[in-house]
């Protein structure tokens, strides 16, 4: 196998982000190779979006990176000045935000917005920038790109606006694309089209993608690897097929058990995870899932489990990996 195909393009190592002195992202580490998709999964507030924004130097004012590194190829992003980060952002690493209607300027044509993203990083004429924008619209499957260039976002559907956002994110051929809940506001048909488009980007361009989602169906459809986050930490990380076939953390097992399937009886109650996610000020010294876990013991409350190697690139932060099979009985 070609080493270039397996060398990580993006490396996040021991990333810690604090808000008001409390760790909302705590010791997160993962890597993504070229042409691969890493999914960050978890409930709202688990820290997955803050992890994503930190990669682009876009943390909100209340948050600060308290430790860890983020490397893109041989470049240490966290060591860059804001001016240098602006050069990298959009060119080397780019992002698709969750809500396109809030990210696109309603008073500017989509062509002007796509062209501006290209001119920011390239010394080209306005005409050349528009030619590039027209090509990008065609590349993301937007029909009649000449007409769309001169339309405003409010004239386009939600799925079309999401494609515009993808055009802006990709126009400078970034090596890494971060997608924050890119299909949340879309119906299932358009969602499938957007996921197919992202798969094509991986296949045709070798783009590395980090996708942020809470939708396990999206994860199964597009991801190569999955990092399941809970209360600011990674609970489990594994190749996608291994994680779905044999989850090795109670939270992951319960998360998967709560997903409805075609085999469920009509009107059957869905499995739920009892309790609520602790706030950063409520984190104890032990496992952060302890108060909701059916396998909890005193050791879980007293000691934070490290990510334990389960083999095959599968790791889990649980003291009771050998008891995960019991979760199926609890969920039932």
C-alpha atoms as a PDB file:
ATOM      1  CA  UNK A   1       0.000   0.000   0.000  1.00  0.00           C
ATOM      2  CA  UNK A   2       1.193   3.498  -0.832  1.00  0.00           C
ATOM      3  CA  UNK A   3       2.361   5.208   2.355  1.00  0.00           C
ATOM      4  CA  UNK A   4       0.949   8.506   1.141  1.00  0.00           C
ATOM      5  CA  UNK A   5      -2.488   6.909   1.258  1.00  0.00           C
ATOM      6  CA  UNK A   6      -2.235   6.108   4.943  1.00  0.00           C
ATOM      7  CA  UNK A   7      -0.208   9.055   6.254  1.00  0.00           C
ATOM      8  CA  UNK A   8      -2.534  11.323   8.284  1.00  0.00           C
ATOM      9  CA  UNK A   9      -3.315  14.600   6.603  1.00  0.00           C
ATOM     10  CA  UNK A  10      -5.059  16.096   9.649  1.00  0.00           C
ATOM     11  CA  UNK A  11      -3.881  15.279  13.179  1.00  0.00           C
ATOM     12  CA  UNK A  12      -5.680  16.504  16.294  1.00  0.00           C
ATOM     13  CA  UNK A  13      -3.727  15.646  19.437  1.00  0.00           C
ATOM     14  CA  UNK A  14      -4.913  16.086  23.040  1.00  0.00           C
ATOM     15  CA  UNK A  15      -7.108  19.084  22.144  1.00  0.00           C
ATOM     16  CA  UNK A  16      -8.582  20.869  25.168  1.00  0.00           C
ATOM     17  CA  UNK A  17     -10.987  23.813  24.943  1.00  0.00           C
ATOM     18  CA  UNK A  18     -12.270  25.720  27.954  1.00  0.00           C
ATOM     19  CA  UNK A  19     -15.179  28.069  28.575  1.00  0.00           C
ATOM     20  CA  UNK A  20     -14.993  29.946  31.847  1.00  0.00           C
ATOM     21  CA  UNK A  21     -12.213  27.649  33.031  1.00  0.00           C
ATOM     22  CA  UNK A  22     -14.308  24.493  32.502  1.00  0.00           C
ATOM     23  CA  UNK A  23     -13.116  21.920  29.910  1.00  0.00           C
ATOM     24  CA  UNK A  24     -15.853  21.588  27.282  1.00  0.00           C
ATOM     25  CA  UNK A  25     -13.487  19.624  25.005  1.00  0.00           C
ATOM     26  CA  UNK A  26     -11.032  17.515  26.985  1.00  0.00           C
ATOM     27  CA  UNK A  27      -8.067  15.651  25.511  1.00  0.00           C
ATOM     28  CA  UNK A  28      -9.576  14.879  22.099  1.00  0.00           C
ATOM     29  CA  UNK A  29      -7.260  13.128  19.603  1.00  0.00           C
ATOM     30  CA  UNK A  30      -7.850  11.680  16.133  1.00  0.00           C
ATOM     31  CA  UNK A  31      -6.331  11.615  12.645  1.00  0.00           C
ATOM     32  CA  UNK A  32      -7.751  11.730   9.128  1.00  0.00           C
ATOM     33  CA  UNK A  33      -5.941  10.470   6.022  1.00  0.00           C
ATOM     34  CA  UNK A  34      -6.387  11.892   2.490  1.00  0.00           C
ATOM     35  CA  UNK A  35      -9.524  10.583   0.833  1.00  0.00           C
ATOM     36  CA  UNK A  36     -11.040   9.461   4.137  1.00  0.00           C
ATOM     37  CA  UNK A  37     -14.061  10.610   6.130  1.00  0.00           C
ATOM     38  CA  UNK A  38     -13.978  10.913   9.921  1.00  0.00           C
ATOM     39  CA  UNK A  39     -17.338  11.381  11.657  1.00  0.00           C
ATOM     40  CA  UNK A  40     -17.546  13.103  15.038  1.00  0.00           C
ATOM     41  CA  UNK A  41     -20.755  11.883  16.655  1.00  0.00           C
ATOM     42  CA  UNK A  42     -22.544  12.755  19.857  1.00  0.00           C
ATOM     43  CA  UNK A  43     -25.438  14.522  21.537  1.00  0.00           C
ATOM     44  CA  UNK A  44     -25.813  18.292  21.378  1.00  0.00           C
ATOM     45  CA  UNK A  45     -23.302  19.971  23.683  1.00  0.00           C
ATOM     46  CA  UNK A  46     -20.758  17.146  23.614  1.00  0.00           C
ATOM     47  CA  UNK A  47     -18.089  19.419  22.097  1.00  0.00           C
ATOM     48  CA  UNK A  48     -18.022  18.141  18.528  1.00  0.00           C
ATOM     49  CA  UNK A  49     -18.749  21.512  16.866  1.00  0.00           C
ATOM     50  CA  UNK A  50     -16.220  23.333  19.062  1.00  0.00           C
ATOM     51  CA  UNK A  51     -13.672  20.708  18.036  1.00  0.00           C
ATOM     52  CA  UNK A  52     -14.495  21.439  14.396  1.00  0.00           C
ATOM     53  CA  UNK A  53     -14.324  25.222  14.750  1.00  0.00           C
ATOM     54  CA  UNK A  54     -11.002  25.009  16.556  1.00  0.00           C
ATOM     55  CA  UNK A  55      -9.495  23.386  13.446  1.00  0.00           C
ATOM     56  CA  UNK A  56     -10.207  26.582  11.524  1.00  0.00           C
ATOM     57  CA  UNK A  57      -9.341  29.002  14.326  1.00  0.00           C
ATOM     58  CA  UNK A  58     -12.996  30.000  14.604  1.00  0.00           C
ATOM     59  CA  UNK A  59     -13.706  29.458  18.286  1.00  0.00           C
ATOM     60  CA  UNK A  60     -16.282  31.859  19.772  1.00  0.00           C
ATOM     61  CA  UNK A  61     -14.905  34.628  22.026  1.00  0.00           C
ATOM     62  CA  UNK A  62     -15.980  32.828  25.208  1.00  0.00           C
ATOM     63  CA  UNK A  63     -13.947  29.711  24.334  1.00  0.00           C
ATOM     64  CA  UNK A  64     -10.190  29.268  24.312  1.00  0.00           C
ATOM     65  CA  UNK A  65      -7.854  26.452  23.359  1.00  0.00           C
ATOM     66  CA  UNK A  66      -6.180  25.441  26.620  1.00  0.00           C
ATOM     67  CA  UNK A  67      -3.952  22.717  25.213  1.00  0.00           C
ATOM     68  CA  UNK A  68      -3.224  20.303  22.408  1.00  0.00           C
ATOM     69  CA  UNK A  69      -2.174  20.651  18.793  1.00  0.00           C
ATOM     70  CA  UNK A  70      -3.788  20.570  15.356  1.00  0.00           C
ATOM     71  CA  UNK A  71      -1.549  19.721  12.402  1.00  0.00           C
ATOM     72  CA  UNK A  72      -2.414  19.902   8.731  1.00  0.00           C
ATOM     73  CA  UNK A  73       0.259  17.992   6.851  1.00  0.00           C
ATOM     74  CA  UNK A  74       3.488  19.355   8.276  1.00  0.00           C
ATOM     75  CA  UNK A  75       1.952  22.640   9.416  1.00  0.00           C
ATOM     76  CA  UNK A  76       1.052  23.335  13.047  1.00  0.00           C
ATOM     77  CA  UNK A  77      -2.188  25.305  12.724  1.00  0.00           C
ATOM     78  CA  UNK A  78      -2.387  26.277  16.377  1.00  0.00           C
ATOM     79  CA  UNK A  79       0.980  28.071  16.073  1.00  0.00           C
ATOM     80  CA  UNK A  80      -0.223  30.348  13.243  1.00  0.00           C
ATOM     81  CA  UNK A  81      -0.872  34.043  13.662  1.00  0.00           C
ATOM     82  CA  UNK A  82      -4.407  35.200  12.822  1.00  0.00           C
ATOM     83  CA  UNK A  83      -3.107  36.651   9.552  1.00  0.00           C
ATOM     84  CA  UNK A  84      -1.505  33.344   8.576  1.00  0.00           C
ATOM     85  CA  UNK A  85      -4.613  31.449   9.673  1.00  0.00           C
ATOM     86  CA  UNK A  86      -6.732  33.592   7.345  1.00  0.00           C
ATOM     87  CA  UNK A  87      -4.521  32.487   4.442  1.00  0.00           C
ATOM     88  CA  UNK A  88      -4.915  28.827   5.371  1.00  0.00           C
ATOM     89  CA  UNK A  89      -8.640  29.078   6.063  1.00  0.00           C
ATOM     90  CA  UNK A  90     -10.565  28.470   2.869  1.00  0.00           C
ATOM     91  CA  UNK A  91      -7.457  27.424   0.961  1.00  0.00           C
ATOM     92  CA  UNK A  92      -5.925  24.523   2.919  1.00  0.00           C
ATOM     93  CA  UNK A  93      -8.856  23.783   5.234  1.00  0.00           C
ATOM     94  CA  UNK A  94     -12.442  24.852   4.702  1.00  0.00           C
ATOM     95  CA  UNK A  95     -15.845  24.448   6.328  1.00  0.00           C
ATOM     96  CA  UNK A  96     -19.481  23.905   5.376  1.00  0.00           C
ATOM     97  CA  UNK A  97     -21.632  25.477   8.074  1.00  0.00           C
ATOM     98  CA  UNK A  98     -24.820  23.893   9.352  1.00  0.00           C
ATOM     99  CA  UNK A  99     -27.314  26.484   8.147  1.00  0.00           C
ATOM    100  CA  UNK A 100     -26.652  27.921   4.661  1.00  0.00           C
ATOM    101  CA  UNK A 101     -29.362  30.568   4.923  1.00  0.00           C
ATOM    102  CA  UNK A 102     -27.496  32.080   7.896  1.00  0.00           C
ATOM    103  CA  UNK A 103     -24.103  31.847   6.173  1.00  0.00           C
ATOM    104  CA  UNK A 104     -24.910  33.296   2.752  1.00  0.00           C
ATOM    105  CA  UNK A 105     -25.336  37.054   2.256  1.00  0.00           C
ATOM    106  CA  UNK A 106     -28.976  37.586   1.219  1.00  0.00           C
ATOM    107  CA  UNK A 107     -28.117  40.861  -0.553  1.00  0.00           C
ATOM    108  CA  UNK A 108     -25.349  39.463  -2.773  1.00  0.00           C
ATOM    109  CA  UNK A 109     -25.703  37.121  -5.740  1.00  0.00           C
ATOM    110  CA  UNK A 110     -24.398  33.623  -5.244  1.00  0.00           C
ATOM    111  CA  UNK A 111     -21.972  34.116  -8.123  1.00  0.00           C
ATOM    112  CA  UNK A 112     -20.391  37.111  -6.426  1.00  0.00           C
ATOM    113  CA  UNK A 113     -20.061  35.177  -3.170  1.00  0.00           C
ATOM    114  CA  UNK A 114     -18.420  32.163  -4.794  1.00  0.00           C
ATOM    115  CA  UNK A 115     -16.126  34.369  -6.909  1.00  0.00           C
ATOM    116  CA  UNK A 116     -15.087  36.385  -3.838  1.00  0.00           C
ATOM    117  CA  UNK A 117     -14.008  33.181  -2.073  1.00  0.00           C
ATOM    118  CA  UNK A 118     -11.738  32.418  -5.035  1.00  0.00           C
ATOM    119  CA  UNK A 119     -10.314  35.946  -5.368  1.00  0.00           C
ATOM    120  CA  UNK A 120      -9.451  36.005  -1.664  1.00  0.00           C
ATOM    121  CA  UNK A 121      -6.736  33.411  -2.237  1.00  0.00           C
ATOM    122  CA  UNK A 122      -5.874  33.926  -5.912  1.00  0.00           C
ATOM    123  CA  UNK A 123      -4.740  36.969  -7.892  1.00  0.00           C
ATOM    124  CA  UNK A 124      -7.209  36.657 -10.751  1.00  0.00           C
ATOM    125  CA  UNK A 125      -9.523  38.964 -12.640  1.00  0.00           C
ATOM    126  CA  UNK A 126     -13.218  39.231 -11.840  1.00  0.00           C
ATOM    127  CA  UNK A 127     -14.024  37.480 -15.119  1.00  0.00           C
ATOM    128  CA  UNK A 128     -11.709  34.568 -14.292  1.00  0.00           C
ATOM    129  CA  UNK A 129     -13.201  34.305 -10.815  1.00  0.00           C
ATOM    130  CA  UNK A 130     -16.701  34.113 -12.270  1.00  0.00           C
ATOM    131  CA  UNK A 131     -15.579  31.455 -14.748  1.00  0.00           C
ATOM    132  CA  UNK A 132     -14.253  29.435 -11.834  1.00  0.00           C
ATOM    133  CA  UNK A 133     -17.512  29.998  -9.908  1.00  0.00           C
ATOM    134  CA  UNK A 134     -19.537  28.817 -12.923  1.00  0.00           C
ATOM    135  CA  UNK A 135     -17.452  25.654 -13.121  1.00  0.00           C
ATOM    136  CA  UNK A 136     -17.907  24.996  -9.402  1.00  0.00           C
ATOM    137  CA  UNK A 137     -21.689  25.257  -9.743  1.00  0.00           C
ATOM    138  CA  UNK A 138     -21.550  22.657 -12.483  1.00  0.00           C
ATOM    139  CA  UNK A 139     -19.231  20.459 -10.400  1.00  0.00           C
ATOM    140  CA  UNK A 140     -21.696  20.347  -7.497  1.00  0.00           C
ATOM    141  CA  UNK A 141     -24.571  19.453  -9.794  1.00  0.00           C
ATOM    142  CA  UNK A 142     -26.441  22.761 -10.006  1.00  0.00           C
ATOM    143  CA  UNK A 143     -28.329  22.973 -13.324  1.00  0.00           C
ATOM    144  CA  UNK A 144     -28.124  26.074 -15.542  1.00  0.00           C
ATOM    145  CA  UNK A 145     -25.114  27.586 -13.701  1.00  0.00           C
ATOM    146  CA  UNK A 146     -25.089  30.723 -15.896  1.00  0.00           C
ATOM    147  CA  UNK A 147     -28.511  31.707 -14.560  1.00  0.00           C
ATOM    148  CA  UNK A 148     -27.801  30.655 -10.975  1.00  0.00           C
ATOM    149  CA  UNK A 149     -24.722  32.903 -10.814  1.00  0.00           C
ATOM    150  CA  UNK A 150     -26.959  35.960 -10.928  1.00  0.00           C
ATOM    151  CA  UNK A 151     -29.573  34.755  -8.445  1.00  0.00           C
ATOM    152  CA  UNK A 152     -29.801  35.574  -4.743  1.00  0.00           C
ATOM    153  CA  UNK A 153     -29.907  32.936  -1.979  1.00  0.00           C
ATOM    154  CA  UNK A 154     -33.600  33.540  -1.251  1.00  0.00           C
ATOM    155  CA  UNK A 155     -34.399  32.524  -4.832  1.00  0.00           C
ATOM    156  CA  UNK A 156     -32.931  29.059  -4.303  1.00  0.00           C
ATOM    157  CA  UNK A 157     -34.065  25.986  -2.362  1.00  0.00           C
ATOM    158  CA  UNK A 158     -32.391  24.822   0.854  1.00  0.00           C
ATOM    159  CA  UNK A 159     -30.629  22.004  -0.983  1.00  0.00           C
ATOM    160  CA  UNK A 160     -29.422  24.412  -3.656  1.00  0.00           C
ATOM    161  CA  UNK A 161     -28.092  26.816  -1.021  1.00  0.00           C
ATOM    162  CA  UNK A 162     -26.234  23.957   0.631  1.00  0.00           C
ATOM    163  CA  UNK A 163     -24.591  23.210  -2.718  1.00  0.00           C
ATOM    164  CA  UNK A 164     -23.628  26.880  -2.973  1.00  0.00           C
ATOM    165  CA  UNK A 165     -21.958  26.571   0.443  1.00  0.00           C
ATOM    166  CA  UNK A 166     -20.094  23.487  -0.762  1.00  0.00           C
ATOM    167  CA  UNK A 167     -18.984  25.404  -3.865  1.00  0.00           C
ATOM    168  CA  UNK A 168     -17.571  28.190  -1.696  1.00  0.00           C
ATOM    169  CA  UNK A 169     -15.853  25.685   0.585  1.00  0.00           C
ATOM    170  CA  UNK A 170     -14.253  23.783  -2.297  1.00  0.00           C
ATOM    171  CA  UNK A 171     -13.396  26.465  -4.836  1.00  0.00           C
ATOM    172  CA  UNK A 172      -9.781  26.689  -3.640  1.00  0.00           C
ATOM    173  CA  UNK A 173      -9.308  22.885  -3.557  1.00  0.00           C
ATOM    174  CA  UNK A 174      -8.698  22.598   0.208  1.00  0.00           C
ATOM    175  CA  UNK A 175      -7.017  19.459   1.437  1.00  0.00           C
ATOM    176  CA  UNK A 176      -9.397  19.167   4.408  1.00  0.00           C
ATOM    177  CA  UNK A 177     -13.129  19.878   4.471  1.00  0.00           C
ATOM    178  CA  UNK A 178     -15.021  20.225   7.753  1.00  0.00           C
ATOM    179  CA  UNK A 179     -18.788  19.722   7.433  1.00  0.00           C
ATOM    180  CA  UNK A 180     -20.871  20.777  10.446  1.00  0.00           C
ATOM    181  CA  UNK A 181     -24.232  18.960  10.317  1.00  0.00           C
ATOM    182  CA  UNK A 182     -24.376  19.519   6.528  1.00  0.00           C
ATOM    183  CA  UNK A 183     -27.691  17.680   6.004  1.00  0.00           C
ATOM    184  CA  UNK A 184     -29.683  18.621   9.124  1.00  0.00           C
ATOM    185  CA  UNK A 185     -32.030  21.135   7.484  1.00  0.00           C
ATOM    186  CA  UNK A 186     -32.620  19.070   4.326  1.00  0.00           C
ATOM    187  CA  UNK A 187     -35.286  16.535   3.382  1.00  0.00           C
ATOM    188  CA  UNK A 188     -34.156  12.954   2.911  1.00  0.00           C
ATOM    189  CA  UNK A 189     -33.936  13.140  -0.896  1.00  0.00           C
ATOM    190  CA  UNK A 190     -31.720  16.237  -0.901  1.00  0.00           C
ATOM    191  CA  UNK A 191     -29.759  14.804   2.046  1.00  0.00           C
ATOM    192  CA  UNK A 192     -28.881  11.744  -0.038  1.00  0.00           C
ATOM    193  CA  UNK A 193     -27.774  13.967  -2.918  1.00  0.00           C
ATOM    194  CA  UNK A 194     -25.490  16.030  -0.659  1.00  0.00           C
ATOM    195  CA  UNK A 195     -23.934  12.882   0.818  1.00  0.00           C
ATOM    196  CA  UNK A 196     -23.369  11.469  -2.683  1.00  0.00           C
ATOM    197  CA  UNK A 197     -21.679  14.747  -3.631  1.00  0.00           C
ATOM    198  CA  UNK A 198     -19.367  14.538  -0.622  1.00  0.00           C
ATOM    199  CA  UNK A 199     -18.488  10.928  -1.474  1.00  0.00           C
ATOM    200  CA  UNK A 200     -17.554  12.062  -4.983  1.00  0.00           C
ATOM    201  CA  UNK A 201     -15.266  14.736  -3.529  1.00  0.00           C
ATOM    202  CA  UNK A 202     -13.437  12.117  -1.522  1.00  0.00           C
ATOM    203  CA  UNK A 203     -13.168   9.791  -4.498  1.00  0.00           C
ATOM    204  CA  UNK A 204     -12.287  12.345  -7.192  1.00  0.00           C
ATOM    205  CA  UNK A 205     -10.197  14.885  -5.265  1.00  0.00           C
ATOM    206  CA  UNK A 206      -8.773  12.898  -2.363  1.00  0.00           C
ATOM    207  CA  UNK A 207     -10.240  15.433   0.061  1.00  0.00           C
ATOM    208  CA  UNK A 208     -10.113  14.503   3.746  1.00  0.00           C
ATOM    209  CA  UNK A 209     -13.470  15.201   5.397  1.00  0.00           C
ATOM    210  CA  UNK A 210     -14.415  15.666   9.040  1.00  0.00           C
ATOM    211  CA  UNK A 211     -18.199  15.487   9.320  1.00  0.00           C
ATOM    212  CA  UNK A 212     -19.990  16.588  12.486  1.00  0.00           C
ATOM    213  CA  UNK A 213     -23.338  14.872  13.017  1.00  0.00           C
ATOM    214  CA  UNK A 214     -25.704  13.225  15.469  1.00  0.00           C
ATOM    215  CA  UNK A 215     -27.336  11.151  12.715  1.00  0.00           C
ATOM    216  CA  UNK A 216     -26.088   7.560  12.772  1.00  0.00           C
ATOM    217  CA  UNK A 217     -27.654   6.965   9.362  1.00  0.00           C
ATOM    218  CA  UNK A 218     -25.408   9.643   7.867  1.00  0.00           C
ATOM    219  CA  UNK A 219     -22.435   8.069   9.648  1.00  0.00           C
ATOM    220  CA  UNK A 220     -23.186   4.627   8.204  1.00  0.00           C
ATOM    221  CA  UNK A 221     -23.574   6.109   4.726  1.00  0.00           C
ATOM    222  CA  UNK A 222     -20.424   8.193   4.420  1.00  0.00           C
ATOM    223  CA  UNK A 223     -17.851   7.664   7.193  1.00  0.00           C
ATOM    224  CA  UNK A 224     -14.715   5.531   7.138  1.00  0.00           C
ATOM    225  CA  UNK A 225     -14.012   6.076  10.842  1.00  0.00           C
ATOM    226  CA  UNK A 226     -16.108   7.310  13.754  1.00  0.00           C
ATOM    227  CA  UNK A 227     -15.236   9.109  16.972  1.00  0.00           C
ATOM    228  CA  UNK A 228     -18.117   9.021  19.457  1.00  0.00           C
ATOM    229  CA  UNK A 229     -17.941  11.990  21.830  1.00  0.00           C
ATOM    230  CA  UNK A 230     -19.587  12.296  25.223  1.00  0.00           C
ATOM    231  CA  UNK A 231     -19.292  15.240  27.635  1.00  0.00           C
ATOM    232  CA  UNK A 232     -16.238  16.652  25.903  1.00  0.00           C
ATOM    233  CA  UNK A 233     -14.241  13.431  25.593  1.00  0.00           C
ATOM    234  CA  UNK A 234     -13.970  10.636  23.035  1.00  0.00           C
ATOM    235  CA  UNK A 235     -15.794   7.596  24.401  1.00  0.00           C
ATOM    236  CA  UNK A 236     -15.017   5.330  21.454  1.00  0.00           C
ATOM    237  CA  UNK A 237     -13.206   5.556  18.128  1.00  0.00           C
ATOM    238  CA  UNK A 238     -13.243   2.869  15.440  1.00  0.00           C
ATOM    239  CA  UNK A 239     -13.628   2.027  11.757  1.00  0.00           C
ATOM    240  CA  UNK A 240     -17.296   2.539  10.930  1.00  0.00           C
ATOM    241  CA  UNK A 241     -18.115  -1.105  10.188  1.00  0.00           C
ATOM    242  CA  UNK A 242     -16.481  -2.307  13.404  1.00  0.00           C
ATOM    243  CA  UNK A 243     -18.350   0.254  15.473  1.00  0.00           C
ATOM    244  CA  UNK A 244     -21.758  -0.686  14.078  1.00  0.00           C
ATOM    245  CA  UNK A 245     -21.061  -4.422  14.221  1.00  0.00           C
ATOM    246  CA  UNK A 246     -19.637  -4.496  17.744  1.00  0.00           C
ATOM    247  CA  UNK A 247     -19.691  -1.252  19.768  1.00  0.00           C
ATOM    248  CA  UNK A 248     -17.276  -1.384  22.700  1.00  0.00           C
ATOM    249  CA  UNK A 249     -18.637   1.423  24.889  1.00  0.00           C
ATOM    250  CA  UNK A 250     -22.007   1.442  26.718  1.00  0.00           C
ATOM    251  CA  UNK A 251     -22.881   4.905  25.397  1.00  0.00           C
ATOM    252  CA  UNK A 252     -22.303   3.836  21.781  1.00  0.00           C
ATOM    253  CA  UNK A 253     -24.259   0.621  22.285  1.00  0.00           C
ATOM    254  CA  UNK A 254     -27.222   2.522  23.749  1.00  0.00           C
ATOM    255  CA  UNK A 255     -26.962   5.178  21.030  1.00  0.00           C
ATOM    256  CA  UNK A 256     -27.197   2.524  18.325  1.00  0.00           C
ATOM    257  CA  UNK A 257     -30.014   0.721  20.158  1.00  0.00           C
ATOM    258  CA  UNK A 258     -32.042   3.951  20.121  1.00  0.00           C
ATOM    259  CA  UNK A 259     -31.983   4.144  16.309  1.00  0.00           C
ATOM    260  CA  UNK A 260     -35.273   2.809  14.860  1.00  0.00           C
ATOM    261  CA  UNK A 261     -35.042  -0.040  12.348  1.00  0.00           C
ATOM    262  CA  UNK A 262     -37.412  -1.654   9.851  1.00  0.00           C
ATOM    263  CA  UNK A 263     -37.513  -4.725  12.113  1.00  0.00           C
ATOM    264  CA  UNK A 264     -39.119  -2.787  14.980  1.00  0.00           C
ATOM    265  CA  UNK A 265     -42.733  -3.638  15.741  1.00  0.00           C
ATOM    266  CA  UNK A 266     -45.259  -0.952  14.711  1.00  0.00           C
ATOM    267  CA  UNK A 267     -45.705   1.698  17.411  1.00  0.00           C
ATOM    268  CA  UNK A 268     -43.036   0.046  19.546  1.00  0.00           C
ATOM    269  CA  UNK A 269     -41.357   2.278  22.124  1.00  0.00           C
ATOM    270  CA  UNK A 270     -37.897   3.456  21.115  1.00  0.00           C
ATOM    271  CA  UNK A 271     -34.985   2.658  23.393  1.00  0.00           C
ATOM    272  CA  UNK A 272     -33.777   5.683  25.362  1.00  0.00           C
ATOM    273  CA  UNK A 273     -30.724   6.622  27.393  1.00  0.00           C
ATOM    274  CA  UNK A 274     -31.860   7.538  30.883  1.00  0.00           C
ATOM    275  CA  UNK A 275     -30.587  10.719  32.539  1.00  0.00           C
ATOM    276  CA  UNK A 276     -28.937  13.819  31.128  1.00  0.00           C
ATOM    277  CA  UNK A 277     -25.457  14.802  29.977  1.00  0.00           C
ATOM    278  CA  UNK A 278     -23.495  16.440  32.837  1.00  0.00           C
ATOM    279  CA  UNK A 279     -22.415  20.059  32.457  1.00  0.00           C
ATOM    280  CA  UNK A 280     -18.668  20.826  32.528  1.00  0.00           C
ATOM    281  CA  UNK A 281     -18.994  22.022  36.126  1.00  0.00           C
ATOM    282  CA  UNK A 282     -20.475  18.628  37.060  1.00  0.00           C
ATOM    283  CA  UNK A 283     -17.667  16.487  35.636  1.00  0.00           C
ATOM    284  CA  UNK A 284     -16.304  14.197  38.314  1.00  0.00           C
ATOM    285  CA  UNK A 285     -13.007  12.328  38.532  1.00  0.00           C
ATOM    286  CA  UNK A 286     -14.408   9.139  37.017  1.00  0.00           C
ATOM    287  CA  UNK A 287     -16.148   8.224  33.781  1.00  0.00           C
ATOM    288  CA  UNK A 288     -18.469  10.991  32.643  1.00  0.00           C
ATOM    289  CA  UNK A 289     -21.083   8.477  31.508  1.00  0.00           C
ATOM    290  CA  UNK A 290     -21.190   6.786  34.925  1.00  0.00           C
ATOM    291  CA  UNK A 291     -24.489   8.283  36.109  1.00  0.00           C
ATOM    292  CA  UNK A 292     -26.301   7.023  32.990  1.00  0.00           C
ATOM    293  CA  UNK A 293     -24.502   3.726  32.480  1.00  0.00           C
ATOM    294  CA  UNK A 294     -26.183   0.369  33.262  1.00  0.00           C
ATOM    295  CA  UNK A 295     -22.752  -1.238  33.773  1.00  0.00           C
ATOM    296  CA  UNK A 296     -21.439   1.310  36.292  1.00  0.00           C
ATOM    297  CA  UNK A 297     -19.274   0.199  39.224  1.00  0.00           C
ATOM    298  CA  UNK A 298     -17.391   2.119  41.915  1.00  0.00           C
ATOM    299  CA  UNK A 299     -14.245   1.996  39.790  1.00  0.00           C
ATOM    300  CA  UNK A 300     -16.110   3.880  37.042  1.00  0.00           C
ATOM    301  CA  UNK A 301     -16.954   6.693  39.469  1.00  0.00           C
ATOM    302  CA  UNK A 302     -13.452   6.853  40.911  1.00  0.00           C
ATOM    303  CA  UNK A 303     -11.218   6.612  37.809  1.00  0.00           C
ATOM    304  CA  UNK A 304     -11.500   8.051  34.308  1.00  0.00           C
ATOM    305  CA  UNK A 305     -10.854   5.168  31.893  1.00  0.00           C
ATOM    306  CA  UNK A 306      -8.307   5.790  29.130  1.00  0.00           C
ATOM    307  CA  UNK A 307      -8.941   4.847  25.518  1.00  0.00           C
ATOM    308  CA  UNK A 308      -8.135   1.122  25.580  1.00  0.00           C
ATOM    309  CA  UNK A 309      -6.973  -0.626  22.405  1.00  0.00           C
ATOM    310  CA  UNK A 310      -9.509  -3.273  21.353  1.00  0.00           C
ATOM    311  CA  UNK A 311      -7.607  -4.233  18.181  1.00  0.00           C
ATOM    312  CA  UNK A 312      -8.119  -3.321  14.540  1.00  0.00           C
ATOM    313  CA  UNK A 313      -7.965   0.415  15.190  1.00  0.00           C
ATOM    314  CA  UNK A 314     -10.861   0.140  17.654  1.00  0.00           C
ATOM    315  CA  UNK A 315     -10.461   1.924  21.025  1.00  0.00           C
ATOM    316  CA  UNK A 316     -12.879   2.455  23.884  1.00  0.00           C
ATOM    317  CA  UNK A 317     -12.774   4.435  27.122  1.00  0.00           C
ATOM    318  CA  UNK A 318     -14.553   1.888  29.315  1.00  0.00           C
ATOM    319  CA  UNK A 319     -13.477  -0.311  32.231  1.00  0.00           C
ATOM    320  CA  UNK A 320     -16.029  -2.986  31.240  1.00  0.00           C
ATOM    321  CA  UNK A 321     -15.443  -3.622  27.551  1.00  0.00           C
ATOM    322  CA  UNK A 322     -16.013  -7.348  28.128  1.00  0.00           C
ATOM    323  CA  UNK A 323     -19.551  -6.668  29.422  1.00  0.00           C
ATOM    324  CA  UNK A 324     -20.889  -4.564  26.524  1.00  0.00           C
ATOM    325  CA  UNK A 325     -23.017  -7.520  25.386  1.00  0.00           C
ATOM    326  CA  UNK A 326     -25.203  -6.938  28.436  1.00  0.00           C
ATOM    327  CA  UNK A 327     -26.363  -3.622  26.935  1.00  0.00           C
ATOM    328  CA  UNK A 328     -28.554  -5.439  24.404  1.00  0.00           C
ATOM    329  CA  UNK A 329     -30.561  -6.951  27.257  1.00  0.00           C
ATOM    330  CA  UNK A 330     -30.897  -3.568  28.968  1.00  0.00           C
ATOM    331  CA  UNK A 331     -32.000  -1.813  25.748  1.00  0.00           C
ATOM    332  CA  UNK A 332     -34.574  -4.517  25.085  1.00  0.00           C
END
